[in-house]
Amino acid sequence: VLIRTTSRKAIGKIKKPLDFVFIDGNHSYEYVRQDITLWEPLVTAGGLVSGHDYGSKFHWGVAKAVDEYALAHGRVVKSDRRDGIWWWIKP
């Protein structure tokens, strides 16, 4: 389902668990952290949490937010730094 709005507004429209979330909105640390914190709980066990611009020197806040969340919640971040994609499988 494609919902064109902000993350904070869209989350209220989701009524059932998700198998996949791709985070690629505002690239500041605060927004990435907020997006992961809001959306990751909606992903089912075994589902994929992913995003873009991991490791970009222009968007350093992405990797910082992803790494901090992963460390605090026992997630293992995988990434392909060539294209900036990051992901983990939710336990």
PDB file of N, CA and C in Angstrom:
ATOM      1  N   VAL A   1       0.846  -1.175   0.000  1.00  0.00           N
ATOM      2  CA  VAL A   1       0.000   0.000   0.000  1.00  0.00           C
ATOM      3  C   VAL A   1       0.888   1.233   0.000  1.00  0.00           C
ATOM      4  N   LEU A   2       0.651   2.135  -0.890  1.00  0.00           N
ATOM      5  CA  LEU A   2       1.394   3.384  -0.959  1.00  0.00           C
ATOM      6  C   LEU A   2       0.541   4.480  -0.327  1.00  0.00           C
ATOM      7  N   ILE A   3       1.110   5.138   0.663  1.00  0.00           N
ATOM      8  CA  ILE A   3       0.416   6.236   1.344  1.00  0.00           C
ATOM      9  C   ILE A   3       1.300   7.470   1.226  1.00  0.00           C
ATOM     10  N   ARG A   4       0.812   8.499   0.566  1.00  0.00           N
ATOM     11  CA  ARG A   4       1.604   9.713   0.377  1.00  0.00           C
ATOM     12  C   ARG A   4       1.252  10.744   1.444  1.00  0.00           C
ATOM     13  N   THR A   5       2.048  10.731   2.507  1.00  0.00           N
ATOM     14  CA  THR A   5       1.894  11.697   3.589  1.00  0.00           C
ATOM     15  C   THR A   5       3.128  11.570   4.474  1.00  0.00           C
ATOM     16  N   THR A   6       3.145  12.250   5.577  1.00  0.00           N
ATOM     17  CA  THR A   6       4.282  12.121   6.489  1.00  0.00           C
ATOM     18  C   THR A   6       4.188  10.801   7.250  1.00  0.00           C
ATOM     19  N   SER A   7       5.307  10.361   7.783  1.00  0.00           N
ATOM     20  CA  SER A   7       5.338   9.113   8.553  1.00  0.00           C
ATOM     21  C   SER A   7       4.389   9.164   9.738  1.00  0.00           C
ATOM     22  N   ARG A   8       4.411  10.274  10.439  1.00  0.00           N
ATOM     23  CA  ARG A   8       3.557  10.401  11.635  1.00  0.00           C
ATOM     24  C   ARG A   8       2.076  10.314  11.292  1.00  0.00           C
ATOM     25  N   LYS A   9       1.678  10.877  10.158  1.00  0.00           N
ATOM     26  CA  LYS A   9       0.273  10.812   9.757  1.00  0.00           C
ATOM     27  C   LYS A   9      -0.080   9.435   9.196  1.00  0.00           C
ATOM     28  N   ALA A  10       0.821   8.853   8.455  1.00  0.00           N
ATOM     29  CA  ALA A  10       0.552   7.563   7.808  1.00  0.00           C
ATOM     30  C   ALA A  10       0.392   6.430   8.806  1.00  0.00           C
ATOM     31  N   ILE A  11       1.131   6.479   9.890  1.00  0.00           N
ATOM     32  CA  ILE A  11       1.105   5.361  10.836  1.00  0.00           C
ATOM     33  C   ILE A  11      -0.291   5.118  11.394  1.00  0.00           C
ATOM     34  N   GLY A  12      -1.084   6.154  11.530  1.00  0.00           N
ATOM     35  CA  GLY A  12      -2.446   6.000  12.021  1.00  0.00           C
ATOM     36  C   GLY A  12      -3.380   5.319  11.036  1.00  0.00           C
ATOM     37  N   LYS A  13      -2.972   5.236   9.774  1.00  0.00           N
ATOM     38  CA  LYS A  13      -3.803   4.612   8.745  1.00  0.00           C
ATOM     39  C   LYS A  13      -3.539   3.115   8.607  1.00  0.00           C
ATOM     40  N   ILE A  14      -2.502   2.625   9.254  1.00  0.00           N
ATOM     41  CA  ILE A  14      -2.149   1.208   9.165  1.00  0.00           C
ATOM     42  C   ILE A  14      -2.942   0.444  10.218  1.00  0.00           C
ATOM     43  N   LYS A  15      -3.719  -0.516   9.774  1.00  0.00           N
ATOM     44  CA  LYS A  15      -4.611  -1.245  10.681  1.00  0.00           C
ATOM     45  C   LYS A  15      -4.170  -2.679  10.957  1.00  0.00           C
ATOM     46  N   LYS A  16      -3.169  -3.170  10.230  1.00  0.00           N
ATOM     47  CA  LYS A  16      -2.716  -4.538  10.472  1.00  0.00           C
ATOM     48  C   LYS A  16      -1.196  -4.598  10.388  1.00  0.00           C
ATOM     49  N   PRO A  17      -0.606  -5.669  10.904  1.00  0.00           N
ATOM     50  CA  PRO A  17       0.860  -5.782  10.909  1.00  0.00           C
ATOM     51  C   PRO A  17       1.437  -5.759   9.491  1.00  0.00           C
ATOM     52  N   LEU A  18       2.677  -5.315   9.406  1.00  0.00           N
ATOM     53  CA  LEU A  18       3.370  -5.204   8.124  1.00  0.00           C
ATOM     54  C   LEU A  18       4.459  -6.266   8.014  1.00  0.00           C
ATOM     55  N   ASP A  19       4.717  -6.712   6.799  1.00  0.00           N
ATOM     56  CA  ASP A  19       5.810  -7.647   6.547  1.00  0.00           C
ATOM     57  C   ASP A  19       7.093  -6.924   6.154  1.00  0.00           C
ATOM     58  N   PHE A  20       6.965  -5.670   5.710  1.00  0.00           N
ATOM     59  CA  PHE A  20       8.105  -4.935   5.166  1.00  0.00           C
ATOM     60  C   PHE A  20       7.897  -3.440   5.375  1.00  0.00           C
ATOM     61  N   VAL A  21       8.948  -2.767   5.813  1.00  0.00           N
ATOM     62  CA  VAL A  21       8.949  -1.306   5.923  1.00  0.00           C
ATOM     63  C   VAL A  21      10.242  -0.798   5.294  1.00  0.00           C
ATOM     64  N   PHE A  22      10.134   0.236   4.447  1.00  0.00           N
ATOM     65  CA  PHE A  22      11.311   0.861   3.840  1.00  0.00           C
ATOM     66  C   PHE A  22      11.314   2.327   4.254  1.00  0.00           C
ATOM     67  N   ILE A  23      12.355   2.727   4.974  1.00  0.00           N
ATOM     68  CA  ILE A  23      12.449   4.077   5.528  1.00  0.00           C
ATOM     69  C   ILE A  23      13.391   4.914   4.663  1.00  0.00           C
ATOM     70  N   ASP A  24      12.830   5.958   4.036  1.00  0.00           N
ATOM     71  CA  ASP A  24      13.633   6.810   3.155  1.00  0.00           C
ATOM     72  C   ASP A  24      12.992   8.190   3.062  1.00  0.00           C
ATOM     73  N   GLY A  25      12.718   8.774   4.219  1.00  0.00           N
ATOM     74  CA  GLY A  25      12.115  10.107   4.247  1.00  0.00           C
ATOM     75  C   GLY A  25      13.168  11.153   4.537  1.00  0.00           C
ATOM     76  N   ASN A  26      12.888  12.004   5.490  1.00  0.00           N
ATOM     77  CA  ASN A  26      13.851  13.005   5.934  1.00  0.00           C
ATOM     78  C   ASN A  26      15.082  12.278   6.477  1.00  0.00           C
ATOM     79  N   HIS A  27      16.264  12.707   6.093  1.00  0.00           N
ATOM     80  CA  HIS A  27      17.492  11.985   6.422  1.00  0.00           C
ATOM     81  C   HIS A  27      18.217  12.498   7.662  1.00  0.00           C
ATOM     82  N   SER A  28      17.599  13.406   8.398  1.00  0.00           N
ATOM     83  CA  SER A  28      18.245  13.874   9.623  1.00  0.00           C
ATOM     84  C   SER A  28      18.172  12.779  10.679  1.00  0.00           C
ATOM     85  N   TYR A  29      19.113  12.807  11.596  1.00  0.00           N
ATOM     86  CA  TYR A  29      19.168  11.818  12.673  1.00  0.00           C
ATOM     87  C   TYR A  29      17.829  11.709  13.401  1.00  0.00           C
ATOM     88  N   GLU A  30      17.262  12.842  13.788  1.00  0.00           N
ATOM     89  CA  GLU A  30      16.029  12.852  14.574  1.00  0.00           C
ATOM     90  C   GLU A  30      14.872  12.195  13.830  1.00  0.00           C
ATOM     91  N   TYR A  31      14.732  12.510  12.549  1.00  0.00           N
ATOM     92  CA  TYR A  31      13.624  11.949  11.776  1.00  0.00           C
ATOM     93  C   TYR A  31      13.808  10.460  11.506  1.00  0.00           C
ATOM     94  N   VAL A  32      15.020  10.047  11.200  1.00  0.00           N
ATOM     95  CA  VAL A  32      15.263   8.619  10.963  1.00  0.00           C
ATOM     96  C   VAL A  32      14.997   7.836  12.240  1.00  0.00           C
ATOM     97  N   ARG A  33      15.487   8.354  13.345  1.00  0.00           N
ATOM     98  CA  ARG A  33      15.246   7.695  14.638  1.00  0.00           C
ATOM     99  C   ARG A  33      13.745   7.594  14.920  1.00  0.00           C
ATOM    100  N   GLN A  34      13.035   8.678  14.679  1.00  0.00           N
ATOM    101  CA  GLN A  34      11.584   8.688  14.882  1.00  0.00           C
ATOM    102  C   GLN A  34      10.893   7.677  13.966  1.00  0.00           C
ATOM    103  N   ASP A  35      11.273   7.650  12.693  1.00  0.00           N
ATOM    104  CA  ASP A  35      10.649   6.712  11.752  1.00  0.00           C
ATOM    105  C   ASP A  35      10.872   5.262  12.168  1.00  0.00           C
ATOM    106  N   ILE A  36      12.091   4.920  12.540  1.00  0.00           N
ATOM    107  CA  ILE A  36      12.360   3.546  12.962  1.00  0.00           C
ATOM    108  C   ILE A  36      11.563   3.222  14.221  1.00  0.00           C
ATOM    109  N   THR A  37      11.557   4.139  15.170  1.00  0.00           N
ATOM    110  CA  THR A  37      10.848   3.921  16.435  1.00  0.00           C
ATOM    111  C   THR A  37       9.341   3.765  16.221  1.00  0.00           C
ATOM    112  N   LEU A  38       8.778   4.511  15.287  1.00  0.00           N
ATOM    113  CA  LEU A  38       7.345   4.423  15.001  1.00  0.00           C
ATOM    114  C   LEU A  38       6.978   3.166  14.215  1.00  0.00           C
ATOM    115  N   TRP A  39       7.784   2.823  13.210  1.00  0.00           N
ATOM    116  CA  TRP A  39       7.400   1.790  12.254  1.00  0.00           C
ATOM    117  C   TRP A  39       7.879   0.384  12.593  1.00  0.00           C
ATOM    118  N   GLU A  40       9.030   0.238  13.201  1.00  0.00           N
ATOM    119  CA  GLU A  40       9.553  -1.105  13.462  1.00  0.00           C
ATOM    120  C   GLU A  40       8.614  -1.944  14.320  1.00  0.00           C
ATOM    121  N   PRO A  41       7.942  -1.381  15.322  1.00  0.00           N
ATOM    122  CA  PRO A  41       7.012  -2.195  16.119  1.00  0.00           C
ATOM    123  C   PRO A  41       5.838  -2.774  15.315  1.00  0.00           C
ATOM    124  N   LEU A  42       5.510  -2.181  14.173  1.00  0.00           N
ATOM    125  CA  LEU A  42       4.407  -2.682  13.347  1.00  0.00           C
ATOM    126  C   LEU A  42       4.806  -3.861  12.464  1.00  0.00           C
ATOM    127  N   VAL A  43       6.095  -4.110  12.342  1.00  0.00           N
ATOM    128  CA  VAL A  43       6.581  -5.187  11.476  1.00  0.00           C
ATOM    129  C   VAL A  43       6.484  -6.518  12.215  1.00  0.00           C
ATOM    130  N   THR A  44       5.987  -7.524  11.521  1.00  0.00           N
ATOM    131  CA  THR A  44       5.835  -8.854  12.105  1.00  0.00           C
ATOM    132  C   THR A  44       7.195  -9.505  12.339  1.00  0.00           C
ATOM    133  N   ALA A  45       7.226 -10.468  13.256  1.00  0.00           N
ATOM    134  CA  ALA A  45       8.446 -11.258  13.460  1.00  0.00           C
ATOM    135  C   ALA A  45       8.784 -11.947  12.139  1.00  0.00           C
ATOM    136  N   GLY A  46      10.043 -11.868  11.753  1.00  0.00           N
ATOM    137  CA  GLY A  46      10.474 -12.414  10.469  1.00  0.00           C
ATOM    138  C   GLY A  46      10.337 -11.431   9.325  1.00  0.00           C
ATOM    139  N   GLY A  47       9.759 -10.247   9.611  1.00  0.00           N
ATOM    140  CA  GLY A  47       9.590  -9.219   8.589  1.00  0.00           C
ATOM    141  C   GLY A  47      10.863  -8.410   8.389  1.00  0.00           C
ATOM    142  N   LEU A  48      10.871  -7.615   7.346  1.00  0.00           N
ATOM    143  CA  LEU A  48      12.051  -6.853   6.948  1.00  0.00           C
ATOM    144  C   LEU A  48      11.880  -5.374   7.269  1.00  0.00           C
ATOM    145  N   VAL A  49      12.868  -4.818   7.970  1.00  0.00           N
ATOM    146  CA  VAL A  49      12.946  -3.380   8.225  1.00  0.00           C
ATOM    147  C   VAL A  49      14.136  -2.889   7.415  1.00  0.00           C
ATOM    148  N   SER A  50      13.930  -1.911   6.563  1.00  0.00           N
ATOM    149  CA  SER A  50      14.975  -1.493   5.639  1.00  0.00           C
ATOM    150  C   SER A  50      14.890   0.005   5.384  1.00  0.00           C
ATOM    151  N   GLY A  51      15.923   0.525   4.749  1.00  0.00           N
ATOM    152  CA  GLY A  51      15.941   1.938   4.410  1.00  0.00           C
ATOM    153  C   GLY A  51      17.081   2.269   3.469  1.00  0.00           C
ATOM    154  N   HIS A  52      17.286   3.560   3.264  1.00  0.00           N
ATOM    155  CA  HIS A  52      18.256   4.034   2.274  1.00  0.00           C
ATOM    156  C   HIS A  52      19.167   5.098   2.866  1.00  0.00           C
ATOM    157  N   ASP A  53      20.288   5.294   2.205  1.00  0.00           N
ATOM    158  CA  ASP A  53      21.298   6.309   2.514  1.00  0.00           C
ATOM    159  C   ASP A  53      22.131   6.000   3.747  1.00  0.00           C
ATOM    160  N   TYR A  54      22.307   4.731   4.043  1.00  0.00           N
ATOM    161  CA  TYR A  54      23.157   4.286   5.144  1.00  0.00           C
ATOM    162  C   TYR A  54      24.616   4.451   4.720  1.00  0.00           C
ATOM    163  N   GLY A  55      25.362   5.189   5.489  1.00  0.00           N
ATOM    164  CA  GLY A  55      26.775   5.384   5.184  1.00  0.00           C
ATOM    165  C   GLY A  55      27.068   6.565   4.274  1.00  0.00           C
ATOM    166  N   SER A  56      26.048   7.312   3.898  1.00  0.00           N
ATOM    167  CA  SER A  56      26.256   8.483   3.055  1.00  0.00           C
ATOM    168  C   SER A  56      26.920   9.589   3.866  1.00  0.00           C
ATOM    169  N   LYS A  57      27.963  10.185   3.317  1.00  0.00           N
ATOM    170  CA  LYS A  57      28.624  11.278   4.042  1.00  0.00           C
ATOM    171  C   LYS A  57      27.734  12.519   4.113  1.00  0.00           C
ATOM    172  N   PHE A  58      26.753  12.605   3.238  1.00  0.00           N
ATOM    173  CA  PHE A  58      25.834  13.736   3.249  1.00  0.00           C
ATOM    174  C   PHE A  58      24.679  13.530   4.227  1.00  0.00           C
ATOM    175  N   HIS A  59      24.400  12.270   4.553  1.00  0.00           N
ATOM    176  CA  HIS A  59      23.278  11.934   5.438  1.00  0.00           C
ATOM    177  C   HIS A  59      23.782  11.081   6.595  1.00  0.00           C
ATOM    178  N   TRP A  60      24.763  11.572   7.323  1.00  0.00           N
ATOM    179  CA  TRP A  60      25.394  10.811   8.402  1.00  0.00           C
ATOM    180  C   TRP A  60      24.411  10.415   9.494  1.00  0.00           C
ATOM    181  N   GLY A  61      23.321  11.169   9.644  1.00  0.00           N
ATOM    182  CA  GLY A  61      22.333  10.871  10.676  1.00  0.00           C
ATOM    183  C   GLY A  61      21.615   9.551  10.463  1.00  0.00           C
ATOM    184  N   VAL A  62      21.543   9.098   9.213  1.00  0.00           N
ATOM    185  CA  VAL A  62      20.877   7.827   8.923  1.00  0.00           C
ATOM    186  C   VAL A  62      21.599   6.685   9.622  1.00  0.00           C
ATOM    187  N   ALA A  63      22.890   6.531   9.367  1.00  0.00           N
ATOM    188  CA  ALA A  63      23.653   5.434   9.977  1.00  0.00           C
ATOM    189  C   ALA A  63      23.665   5.548  11.497  1.00  0.00           C
ATOM    190  N   LYS A  64      23.779   6.758  12.011  1.00  0.00           N
ATOM    191  CA  LYS A  64      23.797   6.943  13.465  1.00  0.00           C
ATOM    192  C   LYS A  64      22.488   6.463  14.083  1.00  0.00           C
ATOM    193  N   ALA A  65      21.364   6.868  13.519  1.00  0.00           N
ATOM    194  CA  ALA A  65      20.061   6.465  14.053  1.00  0.00           C
ATOM    195  C   ALA A  65      19.836   4.960  13.905  1.00  0.00           C
ATOM    196  N   VAL A  66      20.177   4.416  12.755  1.00  0.00           N
ATOM    197  CA  VAL A  66      20.006   2.978  12.508  1.00  0.00           C
ATOM    198  C   VAL A  66      20.856   2.172  13.479  1.00  0.00           C
ATOM    199  N   ASP A  67      22.130   2.534  13.592  1.00  0.00           N
ATOM    200  CA  ASP A  67      23.041   1.787  14.466  1.00  0.00           C
ATOM    201  C   ASP A  67      22.626   1.868  15.932  1.00  0.00           C
ATOM    202  N   GLU A  68      22.217   3.038  16.383  1.00  0.00           N
ATOM    203  CA  GLU A  68      21.792   3.194  17.777  1.00  0.00           C
ATOM    204  C   GLU A  68      20.543   2.363  18.071  1.00  0.00           C
ATOM    205  N   TYR A  69      19.571   2.411  17.178  1.00  0.00           N
ATOM    206  CA  TYR A  69      18.350   1.629  17.391  1.00  0.00           C
ATOM    207  C   TYR A  69      18.677   0.138  17.395  1.00  0.00           C
ATOM    208  N   ALA A  70      19.465  -0.285  16.437  1.00  0.00           N
ATOM    209  CA  ALA A  70      19.826  -1.701  16.343  1.00  0.00           C
ATOM    210  C   ALA A  70      20.530  -2.174  17.609  1.00  0.00           C
ATOM    211  N   LEU A  71      21.467  -1.411  18.098  1.00  0.00           N
ATOM    212  CA  LEU A  71      22.203  -1.776  19.307  1.00  0.00           C
ATOM    213  C   LEU A  71      21.268  -1.856  20.516  1.00  0.00           C
ATOM    214  N   ALA A  72      20.384  -0.886  20.650  1.00  0.00           N
ATOM    215  CA  ALA A  72      19.476  -0.844  21.796  1.00  0.00           C
ATOM    216  C   ALA A  72      18.419  -1.950  21.771  1.00  0.00           C
ATOM    217  N   HIS A  73      18.123  -2.479  20.571  1.00  0.00           N
ATOM    218  CA  HIS A  73      17.046  -3.463  20.440  1.00  0.00           C
ATOM    219  C   HIS A  73      17.526  -4.836  19.969  1.00  0.00           C
ATOM    220  N   GLY A  74      18.824  -5.046  19.968  1.00  0.00           N
ATOM    221  CA  GLY A  74      19.359  -6.358  19.600  1.00  0.00           C
ATOM    222  C   GLY A  74      19.178  -6.730  18.142  1.00  0.00           C
ATOM    223  N   ARG A  75      19.191  -5.746  17.266  1.00  0.00           N
ATOM    224  CA  ARG A  75      19.066  -6.011  15.831  1.00  0.00           C
ATOM    225  C   ARG A  75      20.452  -6.067  15.203  1.00  0.00           C
ATOM    226  N   VAL A  76      20.592  -6.833  14.145  1.00  0.00           N
ATOM    227  CA  VAL A  76      21.858  -6.925  13.417  1.00  0.00           C
ATOM    228  C   VAL A  76      21.663  -6.238  12.068  1.00  0.00           C
ATOM    229  N   VAL A  77      22.350  -5.126  11.886  1.00  0.00           N
ATOM    230  CA  VAL A  77      22.216  -4.345  10.657  1.00  0.00           C
ATOM    231  C   VAL A  77      23.053  -4.973   9.556  1.00  0.00           C
ATOM    232  N   LYS A  78      22.438  -5.163   8.414  1.00  0.00           N
ATOM    233  CA  LYS A  78      23.131  -5.572   7.191  1.00  0.00           C
ATOM    234  C   LYS A  78      23.082  -4.358   6.273  1.00  0.00           C
ATOM    235  N   SER A  79      24.092  -4.226   5.430  1.00  0.00           N
ATOM    236  CA  SER A  79      24.054  -3.087   4.513  1.00  0.00           C
ATOM    237  C   SER A  79      24.847  -3.372   3.254  1.00  0.00           C
ATOM    238  N   ASP A  80      24.466  -2.651   2.225  1.00  0.00           N
ATOM    239  CA  ASP A  80      25.206  -2.633   0.975  1.00  0.00           C
ATOM    240  C   ASP A  80      25.594  -1.178   0.778  1.00  0.00           C
ATOM    241  N   ARG A  81      26.768  -0.841   1.219  1.00  0.00           N
ATOM    242  CA  ARG A  81      27.182   0.568   1.203  1.00  0.00           C
ATOM    243  C   ARG A  81      27.342   1.135  -0.203  1.00  0.00           C
ATOM    244  N   ARG A  82      27.386   0.271  -1.211  1.00  0.00           N
ATOM    245  CA  ARG A  82      27.484   0.784  -2.584  1.00  0.00           C
ATOM    246  C   ARG A  82      26.247   1.584  -2.961  1.00  0.00           C
ATOM    247  N   ASP A  83      25.092   1.112  -2.508  1.00  0.00           N
ATOM    248  CA  ASP A  83      23.869   1.845  -2.839  1.00  0.00           C
ATOM    249  C   ASP A  83      23.159   2.408  -1.611  1.00  0.00           C
ATOM    250  N   GLY A  84      23.758   2.228  -0.434  1.00  0.00           N
ATOM    251  CA  GLY A  84      23.231   2.835   0.782  1.00  0.00           C
ATOM    252  C   GLY A  84      22.048   2.122   1.413  1.00  0.00           C
ATOM    253  N   ILE A  85      21.725   0.932   0.940  1.00  0.00           N
ATOM    254  CA  ILE A  85      20.595   0.191   1.506  1.00  0.00           C
ATOM    255  C   ILE A  85      21.026  -0.472   2.810  1.00  0.00           C
ATOM    256  N   TRP A  86      20.177  -0.402   3.830  1.00  0.00           N
ATOM    257  CA  TRP A  86      20.394  -1.102   5.097  1.00  0.00           C
ATOM    258  C   TRP A  86      19.143  -1.909   5.414  1.00  0.00           C
ATOM    259  N   TRP A  87      19.305  -2.972   6.217  1.00  0.00           N
ATOM    260  CA  TRP A  87      18.153  -3.790   6.585  1.00  0.00           C
ATOM    261  C   TRP A  87      18.462  -4.691   7.761  1.00  0.00           C
ATOM    262  N   TRP A  88      17.404  -5.183   8.379  1.00  0.00           N
ATOM    263  CA  TRP A  88      17.485  -6.283   9.335  1.00  0.00           C
ATOM    264  C   TRP A  88      16.175  -7.054   9.282  1.00  0.00           C
ATOM    265  N   ILE A  89      16.260  -8.301   9.691  1.00  0.00           N
ATOM    266  CA  ILE A  89      15.072  -9.134   9.837  1.00  0.00           C
ATOM    267  C   ILE A  89      14.639  -9.016  11.293  1.00  0.00           C
ATOM    268  N   LYS A  90      13.398  -8.661  11.511  1.00  0.00           N
ATOM    269  CA  LYS A  90      12.912  -8.508  12.883  1.00  0.00           C
ATOM    270  C   LYS A  90      12.761  -9.889  13.529  1.00  0.00           C
ATOM    271  N   PRO A  91      13.366 -10.068  14.695  1.00  0.00           N
ATOM    272  CA  PRO A  91      13.264 -11.384  15.358  1.00  0.00           C
ATOM    273  C   PRO A  91      11.842 -11.678  15.842  1.00  0.00           C
TER     274      PRO A  91
END
